[in-house]
Amino acid sequence: MRCCCLRRRQSRSTCSSRTRKGKVKLYVRRVFIADDAELLPAYLRFIRGVIDSEDLPLNISREMLQNNPQLAQIRKAVTSRVIG
C-alpha cells in the first residue's frame, strides 16, 4: 500500500463545510476504483490524497468496498498514519 497525502494551504471553505466528504481517491494497481470510498473518518475530511493498493482485486464492487476486511485494514493504517 502506498499513501501520498500532500497539503500546502488550507482554504477557508474547507473548514466551514460540515457536509463535505473527504477527497481521498482509491486506486488498485494504478487503476481508478472510487472517488468517495470513505477511507477516512469524518473528522479527517480535510485530507486529500491518493491510495494505491496492490492487495484489493481489480473487479471490486461498491458492496465489496463496504464489507472488505482488507479495506478495513487500509482504513486503520491510513488513519493511524495521518494522526501519528
N, C-alpha and C. Protein backbone atom coordinates (compact mmCIF):
# COMPACT_ATOMS: atom_id res chain seq x y z
N MET A 1 0.85 -1.17 0.00
CA MET A 1 0.00 0.00 0.00
C MET A 1 0.88 1.22 0.00
N ARG A 2 0.60 2.13 -0.91
CA ARG A 2 1.31 3.40 -0.95
C ARG A 2 0.31 4.50 -0.66
N CYS A 3 0.73 5.46 0.13
CA CYS A 3 -0.15 6.56 0.51
C CYS A 3 0.59 7.86 0.26
N CYS A 4 -0.07 8.78 -0.40
CA CYS A 4 0.54 10.08 -0.67
C CYS A 4 -0.46 11.15 -0.27
N CYS A 5 -0.14 11.91 0.75
CA CYS A 5 -1.01 12.99 1.21
C CYS A 5 -0.20 14.26 1.28
N LEU A 6 -0.53 15.22 0.44
CA LEU A 6 0.17 16.49 0.43
C LEU A 6 -0.86 17.61 0.56
N ARG A 7 -0.59 18.52 1.45
CA ARG A 7 -1.50 19.65 1.64
C ARG A 7 -0.66 20.85 2.01
N ARG A 8 -0.59 21.83 1.14
CA ARG A 8 0.23 23.01 1.41
C ARG A 8 -0.57 24.12 2.09
N ARG A 9 -1.71 24.45 1.55
CA ARG A 9 -2.52 25.52 2.11
C ARG A 9 -3.92 25.00 2.41
N GLN A 10 -4.54 25.62 3.39
CA GLN A 10 -5.90 25.23 3.75
C GLN A 10 -6.82 26.39 3.43
N SER A 11 -7.80 26.15 2.59
CA SER A 11 -8.74 27.22 2.25
C SER A 11 -9.80 27.36 3.33
N ARG A 12 -10.40 28.51 3.40
CA ARG A 12 -11.42 28.76 4.43
C ARG A 12 -12.67 27.93 4.19
N SER A 13 -12.99 27.65 2.94
CA SER A 13 -14.19 26.87 2.66
C SER A 13 -14.05 25.42 3.13
N THR A 14 -12.83 24.94 3.29
CA THR A 14 -12.60 23.58 3.75
C THR A 14 -13.08 23.41 5.19
N CYS A 15 -12.81 24.38 6.02
CA CYS A 15 -13.17 24.28 7.44
C CYS A 15 -14.65 24.56 7.68
N SER A 16 -15.25 25.38 6.85
CA SER A 16 -16.63 25.79 7.12
C SER A 16 -17.66 24.77 6.66
N SER A 17 -17.30 23.89 5.77
CA SER A 17 -18.25 22.93 5.24
C SER A 17 -18.31 21.68 6.12
N ARG A 18 -19.45 21.40 6.71
CA ARG A 18 -19.61 20.22 7.56
C ARG A 18 -20.04 18.99 6.77
N THR A 19 -20.64 19.19 5.61
CA THR A 19 -21.16 18.06 4.85
C THR A 19 -20.19 17.58 3.78
N ARG A 20 -19.06 18.23 3.67
CA ARG A 20 -18.08 17.87 2.64
C ARG A 20 -17.44 16.52 2.94
N LYS A 21 -17.34 15.68 1.92
CA LYS A 21 -16.69 14.39 2.08
C LYS A 21 -15.20 14.55 1.82
N GLY A 22 -14.47 13.55 2.23
CA GLY A 22 -13.03 13.56 2.00
C GLY A 22 -12.69 13.43 0.53
N LYS A 23 -11.51 13.86 0.19
CA LYS A 23 -11.06 13.81 -1.20
C LYS A 23 -9.94 12.78 -1.36
N VAL A 24 -10.15 11.60 -0.85
CA VAL A 24 -9.17 10.53 -0.97
C VAL A 24 -9.66 9.57 -2.06
N LYS A 25 -8.83 9.40 -3.07
CA LYS A 25 -9.19 8.54 -4.19
C LYS A 25 -8.53 7.17 -4.02
N LEU A 26 -9.25 6.14 -4.40
CA LEU A 26 -8.77 4.77 -4.26
C LEU A 26 -8.40 4.22 -5.63
N TYR A 27 -7.17 3.73 -5.73
CA TYR A 27 -6.68 3.07 -6.94
C TYR A 27 -6.23 1.67 -6.57
N VAL A 28 -6.37 0.74 -7.49
CA VAL A 28 -5.85 -0.61 -7.33
C VAL A 28 -4.95 -0.87 -8.52
N ARG A 29 -3.69 -1.06 -8.24
CA ARG A 29 -2.67 -1.28 -9.28
C ARG A 29 -2.74 -0.21 -10.35
N ARG A 30 -2.83 1.04 -9.91
CA ARG A 30 -2.87 2.24 -10.77
C ARG A 30 -4.12 2.34 -11.63
N VAL A 31 -5.17 1.63 -11.27
CA VAL A 31 -6.46 1.71 -11.96
C VAL A 31 -7.45 2.37 -11.00
N PHE A 32 -8.11 3.45 -11.45
CA PHE A 32 -9.04 4.18 -10.60
C PHE A 32 -10.24 3.31 -10.23
N ILE A 33 -10.56 3.27 -8.91
CA ILE A 33 -11.68 2.47 -8.43
C ILE A 33 -12.80 3.36 -7.89
N ALA A 34 -12.48 4.25 -6.96
CA ALA A 34 -13.53 5.05 -6.33
C ALA A 34 -13.01 6.41 -5.92
N ASP A 35 -13.90 7.40 -6.00
CA ASP A 35 -13.57 8.75 -5.58
C ASP A 35 -14.00 9.00 -4.15
N ASP A 36 -15.05 8.35 -3.71
CA ASP A 36 -15.59 8.57 -2.37
C ASP A 36 -15.71 7.24 -1.64
N ALA A 37 -14.59 6.59 -1.40
CA ALA A 37 -14.62 5.27 -0.77
C ALA A 37 -14.71 5.33 0.75
N GLU A 38 -14.80 6.53 1.31
CA GLU A 38 -14.89 6.75 2.76
C GLU A 38 -13.77 6.01 3.49
N LEU A 39 -12.55 6.32 3.11
CA LEU A 39 -11.39 5.67 3.70
C LEU A 39 -10.93 6.34 4.99
N LEU A 40 -11.39 7.56 5.23
CA LEU A 40 -11.02 8.28 6.45
C LEU A 40 -12.27 8.65 7.23
N PRO A 41 -12.14 8.79 8.56
CA PRO A 41 -13.29 9.23 9.37
C PRO A 41 -13.68 10.67 9.03
N ALA A 42 -14.85 11.06 9.47
CA ALA A 42 -15.39 12.38 9.13
C ALA A 42 -14.53 13.52 9.68
N TYR A 43 -13.87 13.31 10.80
CA TYR A 43 -13.07 14.40 11.36
C TYR A 43 -11.76 14.62 10.61
N LEU A 44 -11.45 13.77 9.64
CA LEU A 44 -10.27 13.96 8.80
C LEU A 44 -10.68 14.29 7.36
N ARG A 45 -11.81 14.94 7.18
CA ARG A 45 -12.33 15.20 5.83
C ARG A 45 -11.53 16.26 5.08
N PHE A 46 -10.61 16.96 5.75
CA PHE A 46 -9.80 17.96 5.08
C PHE A 46 -8.60 17.34 4.35
N ILE A 47 -8.34 16.06 4.55
CA ILE A 47 -7.21 15.38 3.93
C ILE A 47 -7.53 15.08 2.46
N ARG A 48 -6.57 15.35 1.61
CA ARG A 48 -6.69 15.00 0.19
C ARG A 48 -5.54 14.08 -0.16
N GLY A 49 -5.78 13.11 -1.01
CA GLY A 49 -4.70 12.23 -1.39
C GLY A 49 -5.15 11.08 -2.26
N VAL A 50 -4.22 10.18 -2.50
CA VAL A 50 -4.43 9.01 -3.34
C VAL A 50 -3.92 7.79 -2.59
N ILE A 51 -4.70 6.73 -2.61
CA ILE A 51 -4.27 5.46 -2.04
C ILE A 51 -4.25 4.44 -3.17
N ASP A 52 -3.08 3.85 -3.39
CA ASP A 52 -2.91 2.84 -4.42
C ASP A 52 -2.60 1.53 -3.71
N SER A 53 -3.47 0.55 -3.87
CA SER A 53 -3.33 -0.72 -3.16
C SER A 53 -3.05 -1.85 -4.14
N GLU A 54 -2.17 -2.72 -3.75
CA GLU A 54 -1.88 -3.92 -4.52
C GLU A 54 -2.70 -5.11 -3.99
N ASP A 55 -3.34 -4.96 -2.84
CA ASP A 55 -4.00 -6.07 -2.15
C ASP A 55 -5.42 -6.33 -2.61
N LEU A 56 -6.11 -5.31 -3.09
CA LEU A 56 -7.51 -5.46 -3.48
C LEU A 56 -7.63 -5.99 -4.91
N PRO A 57 -8.71 -6.72 -5.20
CA PRO A 57 -8.91 -7.17 -6.59
C PRO A 57 -9.37 -6.01 -7.47
N LEU A 58 -9.11 -6.10 -8.75
CA LEU A 58 -9.49 -5.03 -9.68
C LEU A 58 -11.00 -4.95 -9.88
N ASN A 59 -11.70 -6.04 -9.78
CA ASN A 59 -13.15 -6.05 -10.03
C ASN A 59 -13.94 -5.93 -8.73
N ILE A 60 -13.57 -5.03 -7.88
CA ILE A 60 -14.26 -4.83 -6.60
C ILE A 60 -15.48 -3.94 -6.83
N SER A 61 -16.59 -4.30 -6.22
CA SER A 61 -17.84 -3.53 -6.38
C SER A 61 -18.04 -2.63 -5.17
N ARG A 62 -19.06 -1.80 -5.25
CA ARG A 62 -19.36 -0.88 -4.13
C ARG A 62 -19.75 -1.65 -2.87
N GLU A 63 -20.46 -2.75 -3.02
CA GLU A 63 -20.85 -3.55 -1.86
C GLU A 63 -19.62 -4.18 -1.21
N MET A 64 -18.70 -4.64 -2.05
CA MET A 64 -17.48 -5.23 -1.51
C MET A 64 -16.59 -4.20 -0.84
N LEU A 65 -16.67 -2.94 -1.30
CA LEU A 65 -15.89 -1.87 -0.66
C LEU A 65 -16.32 -1.67 0.79
N GLN A 66 -17.60 -1.87 1.07
CA GLN A 66 -18.10 -1.66 2.42
C GLN A 66 -17.77 -2.82 3.34
N ASN A 67 -17.69 -4.03 2.83
CA ASN A 67 -17.54 -5.21 3.68
C ASN A 67 -16.21 -5.93 3.54
N ASN A 68 -15.24 -5.34 2.89
CA ASN A 68 -13.97 -5.99 2.64
C ASN A 68 -13.04 -5.85 3.84
N PRO A 69 -12.52 -6.94 4.40
CA PRO A 69 -11.62 -6.84 5.56
C PRO A 69 -10.28 -6.19 5.22
N GLN A 70 -9.82 -6.34 3.97
CA GLN A 70 -8.57 -5.68 3.58
C GLN A 70 -8.74 -4.17 3.54
N LEU A 71 -9.91 -3.72 3.14
CA LEU A 71 -10.17 -2.28 3.11
C LEU A 71 -10.27 -1.73 4.53
N ALA A 72 -10.77 -2.52 5.46
CA ALA A 72 -10.81 -2.10 6.86
C ALA A 72 -9.38 -1.93 7.40
N GLN A 73 -8.48 -2.81 7.01
CA GLN A 73 -7.09 -2.66 7.42
C GLN A 73 -6.45 -1.42 6.79
N ILE A 74 -6.81 -1.13 5.55
CA ILE A 74 -6.29 0.07 4.89
C ILE A 74 -6.80 1.31 5.60
N ARG A 75 -8.10 1.32 5.95
CA ARG A 75 -8.67 2.47 6.69
C ARG A 75 -7.92 2.71 8.00
N LYS A 76 -7.68 1.64 8.73
CA LYS A 76 -7.00 1.75 10.02
C LYS A 76 -5.56 2.24 9.84
N ALA A 77 -4.86 1.71 8.85
CA ALA A 77 -3.47 2.10 8.61
C ALA A 77 -3.35 3.55 8.15
N VAL A 78 -4.26 3.98 7.27
CA VAL A 78 -4.21 5.36 6.78
C VAL A 78 -4.55 6.33 7.90
N THR A 79 -5.56 6.02 8.69
CA THR A 79 -5.92 6.89 9.81
C THR A 79 -4.79 7.02 10.80
N SER A 80 -4.15 5.91 11.14
CA SER A 80 -3.05 5.99 12.11
C SER A 80 -1.85 6.72 11.52
N ARG A 81 -1.63 6.59 10.22
CA ARG A 81 -0.52 7.30 9.59
C ARG A 81 -0.76 8.80 9.57
N VAL A 82 -2.00 9.21 9.33
CA VAL A 82 -2.32 10.64 9.28
C VAL A 82 -2.23 11.24 10.69
N ILE A 83 -2.76 10.54 11.69
CA ILE A 83 -2.76 11.07 13.05
C ILE A 83 -1.36 10.99 13.68
N GLY A 84 -0.67 9.88 13.49
CA GLY A 84 0.59 9.66 14.18
C GLY A 84 1.73 9.97 13.34
